[in-house]
Amino acid sequence: MFHPGGFGGSDHAHRKPRMRDDPSVLKPVVLMVSLLLLWVLCFVAGLWLGFGWYAWPLGSFVLISGFISLSTLRASRRAS
C-alpha cells in the first residue's frame, strides 16, 4: 500500500486534476434568438395577411409544428 513519504509509487502522482469542460453557451443563445425572430416574422406575416391580433397563434403554431416534425424526423431516422 502506498503511503506518502514511504516506499513505492503513487498512480496519481503526476496527474493533473481534471478540469470540467463547460459546454458552449453560444449555440443555445443563437438558437433561442433565431426562434424568437422566426416567431416575430410569423406574427408580422400574419398581420400582413390580415389576421389582426389572431396572428400570434400563427407563429406559435409554426414553432410547435416545427418541433413536432423535427422530433418525428429524428425518431424515424433512429428507427431505420
PDB file of N, CA and C in Angstrom:
ATOM      1  N   MET A   1       0.850  -1.159   0.000  1.00  0.00           N
ATOM      2  CA  MET A   1       0.000   0.000   0.000  1.00  0.00           C
ATOM      3  C   MET A   1       0.905   1.233   0.000  1.00  0.00           C
ATOM      4  N   PHE A   2       0.519   2.226  -0.786  1.00  0.00           N
ATOM      5  CA  PHE A   2       1.304   3.451  -0.887  1.00  0.00           C
ATOM      6  C   PHE A   2       0.965   4.395   0.251  1.00  0.00           C
ATOM      7  N   HIS A   3       2.008   4.965   0.806  1.00  0.00           N
ATOM      8  CA  HIS A   3       1.840   5.997   1.819  1.00  0.00           C
ATOM      9  C   HIS A   3       2.771   7.135   1.463  1.00  0.00           C
ATOM     10  N   PRO A   4       2.272   8.386   1.435  1.00  0.00           N
ATOM     11  CA  PRO A   4       3.159   9.498   1.079  1.00  0.00           C
ATOM     12  C   PRO A   4       4.371   9.549   2.014  1.00  0.00           C
ATOM     13  N   GLY A   5       5.542   9.681   1.415  1.00  0.00           N
ATOM     14  CA  GLY A   5       6.779   9.726   2.185  1.00  0.00           C
ATOM     15  C   GLY A   5       7.377   8.346   2.393  1.00  0.00           C
ATOM     16  N   GLY A   6       6.685   7.306   2.005  1.00  0.00           N
ATOM     17  CA  GLY A   6       7.200   5.949   2.170  1.00  0.00           C
ATOM     18  C   GLY A   6       7.758   5.432   0.855  1.00  0.00           C
ATOM     19  N   PHE A   7       7.935   4.112   0.797  1.00  0.00           N
ATOM     20  CA  PHE A   7       8.438   3.488  -0.415  1.00  0.00           C
ATOM     21  C   PHE A   7       7.282   3.201  -1.370  1.00  0.00           C
ATOM     22  N   GLY A   8       7.598   3.061  -2.634  1.00  0.00           N
ATOM     23  CA  GLY A   8       6.579   2.754  -3.629  1.00  0.00           C
ATOM     24  C   GLY A   8       6.159   4.008  -4.372  1.00  0.00           C
ATOM     25  N   GLY A   9       5.346   3.812  -5.322  1.00  0.00           N
ATOM     26  CA  GLY A   9       4.900   4.939  -6.147  1.00  0.00           C
ATOM     27  C   GLY A   9       3.388   5.068  -6.122  1.00  0.00           C
ATOM     28  N   SER A  10       2.956   6.250  -6.392  1.00  0.00           N
ATOM     29  CA  SER A  10       1.527   6.517  -6.466  1.00  0.00           C
ATOM     30  C   SER A  10       1.111   6.561  -7.927  1.00  0.00           C
ATOM     31  N   ASP A  11      -0.024   5.981  -8.231  1.00  0.00           N
ATOM     32  CA  ASP A  11      -0.519   6.037  -9.599  1.00  0.00           C
ATOM     33  C   ASP A  11      -1.022   7.432  -9.953  1.00  0.00           C
ATOM     34  N   HIS A  12      -1.298   8.245  -8.974  1.00  0.00           N
ATOM     35  CA  HIS A  12      -1.869   9.570  -9.199  1.00  0.00           C
ATOM     36  C   HIS A  12      -0.852  10.687  -8.943  1.00  0.00           C
ATOM     37  N   ALA A  13       0.421  10.354  -8.905  1.00  0.00           N
ATOM     38  CA  ALA A  13       1.426  11.335  -8.503  1.00  0.00           C
ATOM     39  C   ALA A  13       1.570  12.472  -9.502  1.00  0.00           C
ATOM     40  N   HIS A  14       1.571  12.171 -10.792  1.00  0.00           N
ATOM     41  CA  HIS A  14       1.869  13.215 -11.776  1.00  0.00           C
ATOM     42  C   HIS A  14       0.663  13.587 -12.625  1.00  0.00           C
ATOM     43  N   ARG A  15      -0.498  13.175 -12.241  1.00  0.00           N
ATOM     44  CA  ARG A  15      -1.693  13.537 -12.997  1.00  0.00           C
ATOM     45  C   ARG A  15      -2.198  14.906 -12.564  1.00  0.00           C
ATOM     46  N   LYS A  16      -2.598  15.667 -13.547  1.00  0.00           N
ATOM     47  CA  LYS A  16      -3.197  16.962 -13.240  1.00  0.00           C
ATOM     48  C   LYS A  16      -4.662  16.723 -12.878  1.00  0.00           C
ATOM     49  N   PRO A  17      -5.200  17.525 -12.000  1.00  0.00           N
ATOM     50  CA  PRO A  17      -6.629  17.374 -11.695  1.00  0.00           C
ATOM     51  C   PRO A  17      -7.457  17.688 -12.936  1.00  0.00           C
ATOM     52  N   ARG A  18      -8.504  16.907 -13.133  1.00  0.00           N
ATOM     53  CA  ARG A  18      -9.341  17.087 -14.311  1.00  0.00           C
ATOM     54  C   ARG A  18     -10.127  18.384 -14.203  1.00  0.00           C
ATOM     55  N   MET A  19     -10.062  19.140 -15.266  1.00  0.00           N
ATOM     56  CA  MET A  19     -10.828  20.370 -15.328  1.00  0.00           C
ATOM     57  C   MET A  19     -12.147  20.066 -16.029  1.00  0.00           C
ATOM     58  N   ARG A  20     -13.197  20.616 -15.528  1.00  0.00           N
ATOM     59  CA  ARG A  20     -14.518  20.394 -16.116  1.00  0.00           C
ATOM     60  C   ARG A  20     -14.661  21.226 -17.381  1.00  0.00           C
ATOM     61  N   ASP A  21     -15.082  20.580 -18.455  1.00  0.00           N
ATOM     62  CA  ASP A  21     -15.297  21.291 -19.711  1.00  0.00           C
ATOM     63  C   ASP A  21     -16.753  21.725 -19.783  1.00  0.00           C
ATOM     64  N   ASP A  22     -16.956  23.026 -19.741  1.00  0.00           N
ATOM     65  CA  ASP A  22     -18.314  23.553 -19.838  1.00  0.00           C
ATOM     66  C   ASP A  22     -18.736  23.603 -21.299  1.00  0.00           C
ATOM     67  N   PRO A  23     -19.987  23.280 -21.576  1.00  0.00           N
ATOM     68  CA  PRO A  23     -20.454  23.348 -22.962  1.00  0.00           C
ATOM     69  C   PRO A  23     -20.547  24.793 -23.443  1.00  0.00           C
ATOM     70  N   SER A  24     -20.587  24.940 -24.744  1.00  0.00           N
ATOM     71  CA  SER A  24     -20.663  26.263 -25.345  1.00  0.00           C
ATOM     72  C   SER A  24     -22.016  26.904 -25.058  1.00  0.00           C
ATOM     73  N   VAL A  25     -21.995  28.183 -24.737  1.00  0.00           N
ATOM     74  CA  VAL A  25     -23.217  28.924 -24.456  1.00  0.00           C
ATOM     75  C   VAL A  25     -23.725  29.601 -25.729  1.00  0.00           C
ATOM     76  N   LEU A  26     -22.861  29.760 -26.703  1.00  0.00           N
ATOM     77  CA  LEU A  26     -23.202  30.486 -27.915  1.00  0.00           C
ATOM     78  C   LEU A  26     -24.299  29.786 -28.714  1.00  0.00           C
ATOM     79  N   LYS A  27     -24.233  28.470 -28.848  1.00  0.00           N
ATOM     80  CA  LYS A  27     -25.218  27.743 -29.653  1.00  0.00           C
ATOM     81  C   LYS A  27     -26.641  27.871 -29.097  1.00  0.00           C
ATOM     82  N   PRO A  28     -26.882  27.649 -27.800  1.00  0.00           N
ATOM     83  CA  PRO A  28     -28.255  27.825 -27.300  1.00  0.00           C
ATOM     84  C   PRO A  28     -28.768  29.253 -27.409  1.00  0.00           C
ATOM     85  N   VAL A  29     -27.896  30.235 -27.232  1.00  0.00           N
ATOM     86  CA  VAL A  29     -28.321  31.628 -27.336  1.00  0.00           C
ATOM     87  C   VAL A  29     -28.724  31.938 -28.775  1.00  0.00           C
ATOM     88  N   VAL A  30     -27.919  31.486 -29.740  1.00  0.00           N
ATOM     89  CA  VAL A  30     -28.247  31.706 -31.152  1.00  0.00           C
ATOM     90  C   VAL A  30     -29.545  30.988 -31.509  1.00  0.00           C
ATOM     91  N   LEU A  31     -29.748  29.781 -30.989  1.00  0.00           N
ATOM     92  CA  LEU A  31     -30.973  29.038 -31.254  1.00  0.00           C
ATOM     93  C   LEU A  31     -32.193  29.778 -30.710  1.00  0.00           C
ATOM     94  N   MET A  32     -32.117  30.251 -29.474  1.00  0.00           N
ATOM     95  CA  MET A  32     -33.257  30.955 -28.875  1.00  0.00           C
ATOM     96  C   MET A  32     -33.563  32.270 -29.599  1.00  0.00           C
ATOM     97  N   VAL A  33     -32.525  32.997 -29.976  1.00  0.00           N
ATOM     98  CA  VAL A  33     -32.745  34.258 -30.689  1.00  0.00           C
ATOM     99  C   VAL A  33     -33.347  33.989 -32.064  1.00  0.00           C
ATOM    100  N   SER A  34     -32.879  32.941 -32.746  1.00  0.00           N
ATOM    101  CA  SER A  34     -33.439  32.622 -34.059  1.00  0.00           C
ATOM    102  C   SER A  34     -34.889  32.156 -33.946  1.00  0.00           C
ATOM    103  N   LEU A  35     -35.232  31.395 -32.894  1.00  0.00           N
ATOM    104  CA  LEU A  35     -36.626  31.001 -32.697  1.00  0.00           C
ATOM    105  C   LEU A  35     -37.513  32.209 -32.423  1.00  0.00           C
ATOM    106  N   LEU A  36     -37.015  33.145 -31.641  1.00  0.00           N
ATOM    107  CA  LEU A  36     -37.776  34.358 -31.367  1.00  0.00           C
ATOM    108  C   LEU A  36     -37.977  35.175 -32.636  1.00  0.00           C
ATOM    109  N   LEU A  37     -36.932  35.288 -33.453  1.00  0.00           N
ATOM    110  CA  LEU A  37     -37.064  36.020 -34.712  1.00  0.00           C
ATOM    111  C   LEU A  37     -38.028  35.323 -35.666  1.00  0.00           C
ATOM    112  N   LEU A  38     -38.012  33.986 -35.698  1.00  0.00           N
ATOM    113  CA  LEU A  38     -38.947  33.243 -36.531  1.00  0.00           C
ATOM    114  C   LEU A  38     -40.377  33.485 -36.070  1.00  0.00           C
ATOM    115  N   TRP A  39     -40.597  33.486 -34.765  1.00  0.00           N
ATOM    116  CA  TRP A  39     -41.931  33.736 -34.237  1.00  0.00           C
ATOM    117  C   TRP A  39     -42.402  35.144 -34.591  1.00  0.00           C
ATOM    118  N   VAL A  40     -41.516  36.122 -34.472  1.00  0.00           N
ATOM    119  CA  VAL A  40     -41.875  37.505 -34.801  1.00  0.00           C
ATOM    120  C   VAL A  40     -42.167  37.629 -36.292  1.00  0.00           C
ATOM    121  N   LEU A  41     -41.382  36.965 -37.135  1.00  0.00           N
ATOM    122  CA  LEU A  41     -41.640  37.012 -38.579  1.00  0.00           C
ATOM    123  C   LEU A  41     -42.989  36.390 -38.924  1.00  0.00           C
ATOM    124  N   CYS A  42     -43.334  35.291 -38.270  1.00  0.00           N
ATOM    125  CA  CYS A  42     -44.652  34.681 -38.495  1.00  0.00           C
ATOM    126  C   CYS A  42     -45.769  35.603 -38.019  1.00  0.00           C
ATOM    127  N   PHE A  43     -45.551  36.280 -36.911  1.00  0.00           N
ATOM    128  CA  PHE A  43     -46.538  37.232 -36.396  1.00  0.00           C
ATOM    129  C   PHE A  43     -46.735  38.386 -37.371  1.00  0.00           C
ATOM    130  N   VAL A  44     -45.630  38.934 -37.873  1.00  0.00           N
ATOM    131  CA  VAL A  44     -45.713  40.046 -38.825  1.00  0.00           C
ATOM    132  C   VAL A  44     -46.360  39.580 -40.124  1.00  0.00           C
ATOM    133  N   ALA A  45     -46.037  38.378 -40.572  1.00  0.00           N
ATOM    134  CA  ALA A  45     -46.663  37.844 -41.787  1.00  0.00           C
ATOM    135  C   ALA A  45     -48.159  37.665 -41.582  1.00  0.00           C
ATOM    136  N   GLY A  46     -48.560  37.214 -40.411  1.00  0.00           N
ATOM    137  CA  GLY A  46     -49.976  37.084 -40.115  1.00  0.00           C
ATOM    138  C   GLY A  46     -50.690  38.419 -40.088  1.00  0.00           C
ATOM    139  N   LEU A  47     -50.034  39.441 -39.538  1.00  0.00           N
ATOM    140  CA  LEU A  47     -50.615  40.784 -39.561  1.00  0.00           C
ATOM    141  C   LEU A  47     -50.718  41.300 -40.986  1.00  0.00           C
ATOM    142  N   TRP A  48     -49.694  41.041 -41.789  1.00  0.00           N
ATOM    143  CA  TRP A  48     -49.692  41.487 -43.178  1.00  0.00           C
ATOM    144  C   TRP A  48     -50.785  40.792 -43.991  1.00  0.00           C
ATOM    145  N   LEU A  49     -51.072  39.523 -43.649  1.00  0.00           N
ATOM    146  CA  LEU A  49     -52.128  38.791 -44.345  1.00  0.00           C
ATOM    147  C   LEU A  49     -53.529  39.176 -43.869  1.00  0.00           C
ATOM    148  N   GLY A  50     -53.612  39.982 -42.825  1.00  0.00           N
ATOM    149  CA  GLY A  50     -54.896  40.487 -42.374  1.00  0.00           C
ATOM    150  C   GLY A  50     -55.532  39.684 -41.252  1.00  0.00           C
ATOM    151  N   PHE A  51     -54.737  38.890 -40.517  1.00  0.00           N
ATOM    152  CA  PHE A  51     -55.294  38.112 -39.411  1.00  0.00           C
ATOM    153  C   PHE A  51     -55.546  38.955 -38.171  1.00  0.00           C
ATOM    154  N   GLY A  52     -55.003  40.157 -38.142  1.00  0.00           N
ATOM    155  CA  GLY A  52     -55.162  41.019 -36.970  1.00  0.00           C
ATOM    156  C   GLY A  52     -54.414  40.431 -35.775  1.00  0.00           C
ATOM    157  N   TRP A  53     -55.020  40.550 -34.585  1.00  0.00           N
ATOM    158  CA  TRP A  53     -54.349  40.033 -33.394  1.00  0.00           C
ATOM    159  C   TRP A  53     -54.437  38.521 -33.286  1.00  0.00           C
ATOM    160  N   TYR A  54     -55.149  37.888 -34.214  1.00  0.00           N
ATOM    161  CA  TYR A  54     -55.135  36.425 -34.263  1.00  0.00           C
ATOM    162  C   TYR A  54     -53.868  35.903 -34.945  1.00  0.00           C
ATOM    163  N   ALA A  55     -52.977  36.809 -35.297  1.00  0.00           N
ATOM    164  CA  ALA A  55     -51.747  36.402 -35.979  1.00  0.00           C
ATOM    165  C   ALA A  55     -50.753  35.759 -35.018  1.00  0.00           C
ATOM    166  N   TRP A  56     -50.825  36.080 -33.721  1.00  0.00           N
ATOM    167  CA  TRP A  56     -49.836  35.495 -32.812  1.00  0.00           C
ATOM    168  C   TRP A  56     -49.964  33.986 -32.710  1.00  0.00           C
ATOM    169  N   PRO A  57     -51.162  33.379 -32.800  1.00  0.00           N
ATOM    170  CA  PRO A  57     -51.188  31.913 -32.792  1.00  0.00           C
ATOM    171  C   PRO A  57     -50.526  31.310 -34.026  1.00  0.00           C
ATOM    172  N   LEU A  58     -50.472  32.067 -35.119  1.00  0.00           N
ATOM    173  CA  LEU A  58     -49.813  31.561 -36.318  1.00  0.00           C
ATOM    174  C   LEU A  58     -48.342  31.260 -36.034  1.00  0.00           C
ATOM    175  N   GLY A  59     -47.631  32.172 -35.389  1.00  0.00           N
ATOM    176  CA  GLY A  59     -46.229  31.940 -35.048  1.00  0.00           C
ATOM    177  C   GLY A  59     -46.070  30.792 -34.074  1.00  0.00           C
ATOM    178  N   SER A  60     -46.969  30.713 -33.107  1.00  0.00           N
ATOM    179  CA  SER A  60     -46.907  29.610 -32.144  1.00  0.00           C
ATOM    180  C   SER A  60     -47.180  28.283 -32.830  1.00  0.00           C
ATOM    181  N   PHE A  61     -48.140  28.263 -33.745  1.00  0.00           N
ATOM    182  CA  PHE A  61     -48.450  27.040 -34.481  1.00  0.00           C
ATOM    183  C   PHE A  61     -47.277  26.607 -35.343  1.00  0.00           C
ATOM    184  N   VAL A  62     -46.605  27.557 -35.976  1.00  0.00           N
ATOM    185  CA  VAL A  62     -45.450  27.230 -36.812  1.00  0.00           C
ATOM    186  C   VAL A  62     -44.332  26.641 -35.956  1.00  0.00           C
ATOM    187  N   LEU A  63     -44.046  27.229 -34.802  1.00  0.00           N
ATOM    188  CA  LEU A  63     -42.984  26.719 -33.945  1.00  0.00           C
ATOM    189  C   LEU A  63     -43.312  25.339 -33.383  1.00  0.00           C
ATOM    190  N   ILE A  64     -44.539  25.156 -32.922  1.00  0.00           N
ATOM    191  CA  ILE A  64     -44.928  23.865 -32.353  1.00  0.00           C
ATOM    192  C   ILE A  64     -44.917  22.784 -33.420  1.00  0.00           C
ATOM    193  N   SER A  65     -45.445  23.097 -34.606  1.00  0.00           N
ATOM    194  CA  SER A  65     -45.418  22.092 -35.679  1.00  0.00           C
ATOM    195  C   SER A  65     -43.993  21.799 -36.129  1.00  0.00           C
ATOM    196  N   GLY A  66     -43.118  22.790 -36.081  1.00  0.00           N
ATOM    197  CA  GLY A  66     -41.707  22.552 -36.406  1.00  0.00           C
ATOM    198  C   GLY A  66     -41.052  21.617 -35.400  1.00  0.00           C
ATOM    199  N   PHE A  67     -41.318  21.810 -34.107  1.00  0.00           N
ATOM    200  CA  PHE A  67     -40.768  20.921 -33.086  1.00  0.00           C
ATOM    201  C   PHE A  67     -41.296  19.501 -33.238  1.00  0.00           C
ATOM    202  N   ILE A  68     -42.591  19.370 -33.514  1.00  0.00           N
ATOM    203  CA  ILE A  68     -43.176  18.036 -33.673  1.00  0.00           C
ATOM    204  C   ILE A  68     -42.600  17.328 -34.894  1.00  0.00           C
ATOM    205  N   SER A  69     -42.486  18.051 -36.011  1.00  0.00           N
ATOM    206  CA  SER A  69     -41.943  17.429 -37.218  1.00  0.00           C
ATOM    207  C   SER A  69     -40.465  17.078 -37.045  1.00  0.00           C
ATOM    208  N   LEU A  70     -39.710  17.905 -36.341  1.00  0.00           N
ATOM    209  CA  LEU A  70     -38.299  17.603 -36.097  1.00  0.00           C
ATOM    210  C   LEU A  70     -38.143  16.369 -35.221  1.00  0.00           C
ATOM    211  N   SER A  71     -38.948  16.254 -34.182  1.00  0.00           N
ATOM    212  CA  SER A  71     -38.854  15.083 -33.309  1.00  0.00           C
ATOM    213  C   SER A  71     -39.313  13.825 -34.034  1.00  0.00           C
ATOM    214  N   THR A  72     -40.326  13.928 -34.902  1.00  0.00           N
ATOM    215  CA  THR A  72     -40.771  12.782 -35.693  1.00  0.00           C
ATOM    216  C   THR A  72     -39.692  12.355 -36.675  1.00  0.00           C
ATOM    217  N   LEU A  73     -39.043  13.316 -37.303  1.00  0.00           N
ATOM    218  CA  LEU A  73     -37.968  13.018 -38.246  1.00  0.00           C
ATOM    219  C   LEU A  73     -36.796  12.342 -37.545  1.00  0.00           C
ATOM    220  N   ARG A  74     -36.421  12.837 -36.369  1.00  0.00           N
ATOM    221  CA  ARG A  74     -35.322  12.220 -35.622  1.00  0.00           C
ATOM    222  C   ARG A  74     -35.671  10.801 -35.183  1.00  0.00           C
ATOM    223  N   ALA A  75     -36.905  10.581 -34.748  1.00  0.00           N
ATOM    224  CA  ALA A  75     -37.328   9.260 -34.321  1.00  0.00           C
ATOM    225  C   ALA A  75     -37.339   8.281 -35.496  1.00  0.00           C
ATOM    226  N   SER A  76     -37.761   8.739 -36.657  1.00  0.00           N
ATOM    227  CA  SER A  76     -37.783   7.838 -37.813  1.00  0.00           C
ATOM    228  C   SER A  76     -36.373   7.519 -38.286  1.00  0.00           C
ATOM    229  N   ARG A  77     -35.435   8.444 -38.152  1.00  0.00           N
ATOM    230  CA  ARG A  77     -34.043   8.167 -38.539  1.00  0.00           C
ATOM    231  C   ARG A  77     -33.383   7.194 -37.556  1.00  0.00           C
ATOM    232  N   ARG A  78     -33.717   7.277 -36.283  1.00  0.00           N
ATOM    233  CA  ARG A  78     -33.148   6.345 -35.296  1.00  0.00           C
ATOM    234  C   ARG A  78     -33.682   4.942 -35.492  1.00  0.00           C
ATOM    235  N   ALA A  79     -34.938   4.838 -35.887  1.00  0.00           N
ATOM    236  CA  ALA A  79     -35.554   3.516 -36.066  1.00  0.00           C
ATOM    237  C   ALA A  79     -34.996   2.814 -37.296  1.00  0.00           C
ATOM    238  N   SER A  80     -34.533   3.552 -38.280  1.00  0.00           N
ATOM    239  CA  SER A  80     -34.016   2.933 -39.504  1.00  0.00           C
ATOM    240  C   SER A  80     -32.641   2.377 -39.330  1.00  0.00           C
TER     241      SER A  80
END
